[in-house]
Structure formats: structure tokens, C-alpha cells
C-alpha atoms as a PDB file:
ATOM      1  CA  MET A   1      43.176  12.377 -22.338  1.00  0.00           C
ATOM      2  CA  ARG A   2      41.113  14.937 -20.423  1.00  0.00           C
ATOM      3  CA  LEU A   3      37.910  13.554 -21.977  1.00  0.00           C
ATOM      4  CA  LEU A   4      38.875  10.042 -20.863  1.00  0.00           C
ATOM      5  CA  ALA A   5      39.467  11.240 -17.263  1.00  0.00           C
ATOM      6  CA  CYS A   6      36.089  13.049 -17.182  1.00  0.00           C
ATOM      7  CA  GLY A   7      34.397   9.931 -18.553  1.00  0.00           C
ATOM      8  CA  LEU A   8      36.034   7.759 -15.882  1.00  0.00           C
ATOM      9  CA  VAL A   9      34.892  10.102 -13.098  1.00  0.00           C
ATOM     10  CA  MET A  10      31.319  10.056 -14.440  1.00  0.00           C
ATOM     11  CA  LEU A  11      31.395   6.258 -14.713  1.00  0.00           C
ATOM     12  CA  LEU A  12      32.570   5.864 -11.108  1.00  0.00           C
ATOM     13  CA  GLN A  13      29.832   8.239  -9.904  1.00  0.00           C
ATOM     14  CA  THR A  14      27.166   6.382 -11.900  1.00  0.00           C
ATOM     15  CA  PHE A  15      28.253   2.866 -10.894  1.00  0.00           C
ATOM     16  CA  PRO A  16      29.744   2.874  -7.406  1.00  0.00           C
ATOM     17  CA  TRP A  17      32.505   0.342  -7.013  1.00  0.00           C
ATOM     18  CA  SER A  18      31.629  -0.518  -3.403  1.00  0.00           C
ATOM     19  CA  LYS A  19      28.555  -2.624  -4.217  1.00  0.00           C
ATOM     20  CA  LEU A  20      25.881  -2.532  -6.904  1.00  0.00           C
ATOM     21  CA  GLY A  21      22.977  -0.370  -5.745  1.00  0.00           C
ATOM     22  CA  GLU A  22      24.856   0.940  -2.706  1.00  0.00           C
ATOM     23  CA  PHE A  23      25.603   4.656  -2.923  1.00  0.00           C
ATOM     24  CA  PRO A  24      27.884   5.802  -0.109  1.00  0.00           C
ATOM     25  CA  LEU A  25      27.294   9.169   1.520  1.00  0.00           C
ATOM     26  CA  PRO A  26      29.980  11.818   1.165  1.00  0.00           C
ATOM     27  CA  PRO A  27      32.613  11.346   3.917  1.00  0.00           C
ATOM     28  CA  ASP A  28      31.485  14.450   5.822  1.00  0.00           C
ATOM     29  CA  GLU A  29      27.923  13.151   6.231  1.00  0.00           C
ATOM     30  CA  ARG A  30      28.171  10.948   9.304  1.00  0.00           C
ATOM     31  CA  ASP A  31      24.469  10.855  10.245  1.00  0.00           C
ATOM     32  CA  ALA A  32      21.095  10.709   8.513  1.00  0.00           C
ATOM     33  CA  TYR A  33      17.366  10.719   9.087  1.00  0.00           C
ATOM     34  CA  VAL A  34      15.496   7.990   7.181  1.00  0.00           C
ATOM     35  CA  GLN A  35      12.147   6.255   6.993  1.00  0.00           C
ATOM     36  CA  ALA A  36      12.771   2.530   6.685  1.00  0.00           C
ATOM     37  CA  ARG A  37      11.034  -0.835   6.937  1.00  0.00           C
ATOM     38  CA  LEU A  38      12.533  -3.334   9.375  1.00  0.00           C
ATOM     39  CA  LEU A  39      13.351  -6.551   7.512  1.00  0.00           C
ATOM     40  CA  LEU A  40      15.183  -8.586  10.135  1.00  0.00           C
ATOM     41  CA  VAL A  41      16.453  -8.230  13.661  1.00  0.00           C
ATOM     42  CA  GLU A  42      19.117 -10.352  15.354  1.00  0.00           C
ATOM     43  CA  ARG A  43      18.650  -9.908  19.052  1.00  0.00           C
ATOM     44  CA  GLY A  44      21.881 -10.014  21.005  1.00  0.00           C
ATOM     45  CA  PRO A  45      22.222 -11.103  24.604  1.00  0.00           C
ATOM     46  CA  GLY A  46      20.235  -8.982  27.032  1.00  0.00           C
ATOM     47  CA  CYS A  47      21.742  -5.866  28.544  1.00  0.00           C
ATOM     48  CA  GLY A  48      22.966  -5.859  32.098  1.00  0.00           C
ATOM     49  CA  MET A  49      26.451  -4.816  33.105  1.00  0.00           C
ATOM     50  CA  LEU A  50      27.331  -3.914  29.490  1.00  0.00           C
ATOM     51  CA  PHE A  51      25.544  -1.845  26.824  1.00  0.00           C
ATOM     52  CA  VAL A  52      25.038  -4.569  24.195  1.00  0.00           C
ATOM     53  CA  GLY A  53      24.091  -3.967  20.550  1.00  0.00           C
ATOM     54  CA  SER A  54      21.814  -6.032  18.310  1.00  0.00           C
ATOM     55  CA  ARG A  55      21.868  -5.908  14.519  1.00  0.00           C
ATOM     56  CA  ALA A  56      18.798  -4.911  12.537  1.00  0.00           C
ATOM     57  CA  LEU A  57      18.414  -4.901   8.772  1.00  0.00           C
ATOM     58  CA  TYR A  58      16.330  -2.077   7.297  1.00  0.00           C
ATOM     59  CA  GLU A  59      15.245  -1.133   3.791  1.00  0.00           C
ATOM     60  CA  VAL A  60      15.212   2.648   3.387  1.00  0.00           C
ATOM     61  CA  GLN A  61      12.009   4.027   1.868  1.00  0.00           C
ATOM     62  CA  TYR A  62      12.820   7.740   2.189  1.00  0.00           C
ATOM     63  CA  GLY A  63      16.073   9.442   3.013  1.00  0.00           C
ATOM     64  CA  PRO A  64      19.118  11.104   1.503  1.00  0.00           C
ATOM     65  CA  PRO A  65      19.771  10.214  -2.154  1.00  0.00           C
ATOM     66  CA  GLY A  66      22.725   8.035  -1.142  1.00  0.00           C
ATOM     67  CA  LEU A  67      20.554   5.867   1.117  1.00  0.00           C
ATOM     68  CA  GLN A  68      17.103   5.793  -0.517  1.00  0.00           C
ATOM     69  CA  GLY A  69      16.250   2.238  -1.559  1.00  0.00           C
ATOM     70  CA  ALA A  70      19.337   0.785   0.147  1.00  0.00           C
ATOM     71  CA  GLN A  71      19.428  -1.944   2.757  1.00  0.00           C
ATOM     72  CA  LEU A  72      21.169  -0.834   5.940  1.00  0.00           C
ATOM     73  CA  GLU A  73      22.592  -2.759   8.851  1.00  0.00           C
ATOM     74  CA  VAL A  74      21.840  -0.818  12.027  1.00  0.00           C
ATOM     75  CA  VAL A  75      23.288  -1.527  15.489  1.00  0.00           C
ATOM     76  CA  VAL A  76      20.610  -1.056  18.162  1.00  0.00           C
ATOM     77  CA  GLY A  77      21.773  -0.766  21.762  1.00  0.00           C
ATOM     78  CA  CYS A  78      19.808  -2.716  24.389  1.00  0.00           C
ATOM     79  CA  ILE A  79      17.071  -3.599  21.920  1.00  0.00           C
ATOM     80  CA  GLU A  80      14.853  -5.013  24.670  1.00  0.00           C
ATOM     81  CA  PHE A  81      14.300  -1.529  26.122  1.00  0.00           C
ATOM     82  CA  PRO A  82      11.791   0.836  24.480  1.00  0.00           C
ATOM     83  CA  MET A  83      13.197   3.920  22.775  1.00  0.00           C
ATOM     84  CA  THR A  84      11.289   6.101  25.265  1.00  0.00           C
ATOM     85  CA  GLU A  85      13.929   5.083  27.829  1.00  0.00           C
ATOM     86  CA  TRP A  86      16.678   6.528  25.580  1.00  0.00           C
ATOM     87  CA  ASN A  87      16.376  10.061  26.951  1.00  0.00           C
ATOM     88  CA  GLY A  88      12.747  10.158  25.778  1.00  0.00           C
ATOM     89  CA  VAL A  89      13.747  10.233  22.090  1.00  0.00           C
ATOM     90  CA  GLY A  90      11.294   8.343  19.880  1.00  0.00           C
ATOM     91  CA  ASP A  91       8.190   6.361  20.726  1.00  0.00           C
ATOM     92  CA  LEU A  92       9.183   2.897  19.504  1.00  0.00           C
ATOM     93  CA  LYS A  93       8.459   0.174  22.055  1.00  0.00           C
ATOM     94  CA  ALA A  94       9.475  -2.950  20.092  1.00  0.00           C
ATOM     95  CA  PHE A  95      11.361  -3.902  16.927  1.00  0.00           C
ATOM     96  CA  VAL A  96       8.933  -5.976  14.837  1.00  0.00           C
ATOM     97  CA  PRO A  97       9.936  -7.037  11.299  1.00  0.00           C
ATOM     98  CA  GLY A  98       7.655  -5.451   8.702  1.00  0.00           C
ATOM     99  CA  ASP A  99       7.076  -2.273  10.731  1.00  0.00           C
ATOM    100  CA  VAL A 100       8.078   1.103   9.315  1.00  0.00           C
ATOM    101  CA  HIS A 101      10.275   3.259  11.550  1.00  0.00           C
ATOM    102  CA  TYR A 102      11.682   6.756  11.400  1.00  0.00           C
ATOM    103  CA  LEU A 103      15.351   6.554  12.327  1.00  0.00           C
ATOM    104  CA  HIS A 104      18.167   8.884  13.215  1.00  0.00           C
ATOM    105  CA  ILE A 105      21.338   6.940  12.443  1.00  0.00           C
ATOM    106  CA  SER A 106      25.047   7.686  12.616  1.00  0.00           C
ATOM    107  CA  LYS A 107      28.241   6.097  11.333  1.00  0.00           C
ATOM    108  CA  ASP A 108      29.735   6.926  14.755  1.00  0.00           C
ATOM    109  CA  ASN A 109      29.005   5.017  17.957  1.00  0.00           C
ATOM    110  CA  LEU A 110      27.763   8.140  19.787  1.00  0.00           C
ATOM    111  CA  ARG A 111      25.751   6.200  22.393  1.00  0.00           C
ATOM    112  CA  GLY A 112      28.810   4.219  23.460  1.00  0.00           C
ATOM    113  CA  ILE A 113      27.545   0.711  22.723  1.00  0.00           C
ATOM    114  CA  GLU A 114      30.189  -1.526  24.281  1.00  0.00           C
ATOM    115  CA  VAL A 115      29.514  -4.914  22.646  1.00  0.00           C
ATOM    116  CA  TYR A 116      28.293  -5.142  19.041  1.00  0.00           C
ATOM    117  CA  ASP A 117      28.810  -7.011  15.775  1.00  0.00           C
ATOM    118  CA  ASN A 118      29.773  -4.764  12.846  1.00  0.00           C
ATOM    119  CA  PRO A 119      31.339  -6.915  10.135  1.00  0.00           C
ATOM    120  CA  ARG A 120      33.356  -4.907   7.605  1.00  0.00           C
ATOM    121  CA  GLY A 121      32.442  -1.684   9.480  1.00  0.00           C
ATOM    122  CA  ARG A 122      29.350  -1.166   7.313  1.00  0.00           C
ATOM    123  CA  ALA A 123      26.742  -0.794  10.038  1.00  0.00           C
ATOM    124  CA  TRP A 124      25.116   2.423  11.174  1.00  0.00           C
ATOM    125  CA  PHE A 125      24.394   3.098  14.858  1.00  0.00           C
ATOM    126  CA  LEU A 126      20.879   3.927  16.000  1.00  0.00           C
ATOM    127  CA  LEU A 127      20.464   7.260  17.767  1.00  0.00           C
ATOM    128  CA  ALA A 128      16.646   7.390  17.777  1.00  0.00           C
ATOM    129  CA  ALA A 129      13.696   5.348  16.479  1.00  0.00           C
ATOM    130  CA  SER A 130      10.037   6.233  16.266  1.00  0.00           C
ATOM    131  CA  ARG A 131       6.790   5.283  14.567  1.00  0.00           C
ATOM    132  CA  LYS A 132       6.231   9.009  13.929  1.00  0.00           C
ATOM    133  CA  PRO A 133       8.616  11.383  12.130  1.00  0.00           C
ATOM    134  CA  LEU A 134      11.534  12.510  14.270  1.00  0.00           C
ATOM    135  CA  VAL A 135      12.378  16.150  14.812  1.00  0.00           C
ATOM    136  CA  ARG A 136      15.914  17.025  13.768  1.00  0.00           C
ATOM    137  CA  ASN A 137      18.138  18.042  16.725  1.00  0.00           C
ATOM    138  CA  ALA A 138      16.007  16.065  19.196  1.00  0.00           C
ATOM    139  CA  SER A 139      18.382  13.126  19.598  1.00  0.00           C
ATOM    140  CA  ILE A 140      21.959  12.717  20.732  1.00  0.00           C
ATOM    141  CA  GLY A 141      24.690  13.891  18.408  1.00  0.00           C
ATOM    142  CA  GLN A 142      22.770  16.747  16.734  1.00  0.00           C
END
């Protein structure tokens, strides 16, 4: 019986039940630094009175083992503004599909985006984006 239980645990770790190829981070890891290629961006309505989020789809090239190679939905607040206006964190001026970005992302909405689309609660929230590697502890939430 004990052998069967150990085998089941190993099977669940090898083949995550959430989605094939998607390896969730441990529950205590709420943020990550990744290098990812932007695949698609859905621009939301422009910001004005509210801090509005747009969805972006990224493919992670380098990052924690649970994210490397995965496709991530990322909520970007006020996507029409360059990242340099986000407290000077990151040098990204525009979100262009095909470009490679260095991202600091979080499962928590630390920037307080008021309006966003996050179906099934799977999306990450963007804390910083840059064309050059980000320095840990430079952005909000760290």
C-alpha cells in the first residue's frame, strides 16, 4: 500500500493534473522573474479615470523550473504608457509581439489594477518589464 501511495505522488508530480505542460509554482511563490517572448497582446480601453489592465500572452524562455517553456497570461496596467513611467522600473516603451522582455510578475495585483480580465484566475500581474535584465528588489512588491 505504501509503495502505491509513493507511486501516486510521483505520478502527480511528473504529470500535473492542472494542464499538460503547465507546472504550477509552489503556493508560497507568488512572484517570479522571467525572460519571455511576447506572443499576443489584447489592448484594453485606454486609461483615464481608472487603472485599466490589458492581457498579454508570453512564452517563457528562461525562469523558474515551474514556468520555463510555459505560456503565461499577464495583466498589464495602462499598457499605452511606457514602463519608465511606472516608478522608473524597466525600460520598455511598447509591447510589440515577437519582442523578448524581462518581466517581474506576481500572482497578486500589487499595483492595484482596477479593471482587468482574468478568466479562471490564471493570469499573472506585471510589476516591471524591460528589454534588459531586471535587478531583483527594484520593482514594487520586493
